[in-house]
Protein backbone atom coordinates (compact mmCIF):
# COMPACT_ATOMS: atom_id res chain seq x y z
CA MET A 1 0.79 1.16 -2.04
CA GLY A 2 1.11 3.84 -4.69
CA LEU A 3 3.90 4.43 -7.13
CA GLY A 4 4.34 8.16 -7.34
CA ASP A 5 7.60 10.05 -7.68
CA VAL A 6 9.09 9.16 -4.27
CA ALA A 7 8.15 5.48 -4.47
CA ARG A 8 9.45 5.24 -8.05
CA ARG A 9 12.83 6.58 -6.93
CA ALA A 10 12.94 4.21 -3.94
CA LEU A 11 11.95 1.16 -5.99
CA PRO A 12 15.44 0.27 -7.37
CA VAL A 13 16.99 0.45 -3.92
CA LEU A 14 14.20 -1.48 -2.24
CA SER A 15 14.00 -4.17 -4.93
CA ALA A 16 17.74 -4.82 -4.58
CA ALA A 17 17.22 -5.80 -0.94
CA PHE A 18 13.59 -7.01 -0.78
CA ASP A 19 10.99 -8.93 -2.74
CA VAL A 20 8.82 -5.97 -3.81
CA HIS A 21 5.13 -6.11 -4.73
CA VAL A 22 3.83 -2.95 -6.36
CA ALA A 23 0.20 -2.29 -5.48
CA THR A 24 -1.43 0.40 -7.59
CA ARG A 25 -4.66 1.09 -9.43
CA ALA A 26 -2.93 -0.23 -12.57
CA GLN A 27 -2.75 -3.62 -10.79
CA GLY A 28 -6.46 -3.35 -9.94
CA LEU A 29 -6.07 -2.22 -6.32
CA ASN A 30 -7.89 0.97 -5.42
CA LEU A 31 -8.02 2.32 -1.88
CA ASP A 32 -11.22 4.17 -2.74
CA ARG A 33 -12.88 0.83 -3.60
CA PRO A 34 -12.38 -1.61 -0.70
CA GLU A 35 -13.73 -4.55 -2.71
CA THR A 36 -10.56 -4.42 -4.85
CA LEU A 37 -8.26 -4.98 -1.85
CA SER A 38 -8.91 -8.68 -1.29
CA SER A 39 -5.93 -9.64 -3.47
CA ILE A 40 -3.28 -7.76 -1.50
CA PRO A 41 -0.32 -10.14 -1.16
CA GLU A 42 1.10 -11.13 2.21
CA VAL A 43 3.91 -8.73 3.05
CA ASP A 44 6.39 -8.03 5.86
CA ALA A 45 6.67 -4.30 5.13
CA VAL A 46 4.59 -1.55 3.56
CA LEU A 47 5.74 1.65 1.86
CA HIS A 48 2.47 3.57 1.84
CA SER A 49 2.76 6.58 -0.47
CA VAL A 50 -0.88 7.35 -1.22
CA PRO A 51 -2.09 10.82 -0.28
CA PRO A 52 -5.34 11.12 1.63
CA PRO A 53 -8.31 12.51 -0.28
CA GLU A 54 -9.13 16.17 0.14
CA ALA A 55 -11.41 15.41 3.07
CA GLU A 56 -11.07 15.11 6.81
CA GLY A 57 -9.05 12.16 8.05
CA ASP A 58 -7.39 9.46 5.95
CA PRO A 59 -9.97 6.87 4.88
CA ARG A 60 -7.61 5.32 2.30
CA THR A 61 -5.11 4.28 4.96
CA GLY A 62 -7.99 3.01 7.09
CA ARG A 63 -9.24 0.86 4.22
CA LEU A 64 -5.75 -0.55 3.65
CA LEU A 65 -5.37 -1.40 7.34
CA ASP A 66 -8.82 -3.04 7.35
CA ALA A 67 -7.95 -5.11 4.26
CA LEU A 68 -4.67 -6.28 5.77
CA ASP A 69 -6.39 -7.12 9.06
CA ARG A 70 -9.13 -9.14 7.32
CA ARG A 71 -6.44 -11.22 5.62
CA GLY A 72 -4.48 -11.67 8.86
CA ILE A 73 -1.51 -9.72 7.48
CA LEU A 74 0.47 -7.77 10.08
CA PRO A 75 3.48 -6.03 8.48
CA THR A 76 6.43 -5.63 10.85
CA ARG A 77 7.54 -2.42 9.12
CA TRP A 78 5.37 0.44 7.90
CA VAL A 79 6.59 3.60 6.14
CA TYR A 80 3.99 6.29 5.52
CA ILE A 81 4.99 9.02 3.06
């Protein structure tokens, strides 16, 4: 999730070894709008590089976890940047 500076630099390395799906607002996925998350593809790993909003907690990560759980997707690797 997210394609900021760090993820953009990691993308060539990751895509050489893995089948990479980029999930960003440009692809219609928005962690602030849970209804957009129903099309998240099944994945084995997540590179989550979306900052939390300027509020308490991290509701964006919570929404992503909820969306994955609803689809029965349980990634075996999770990297949170």
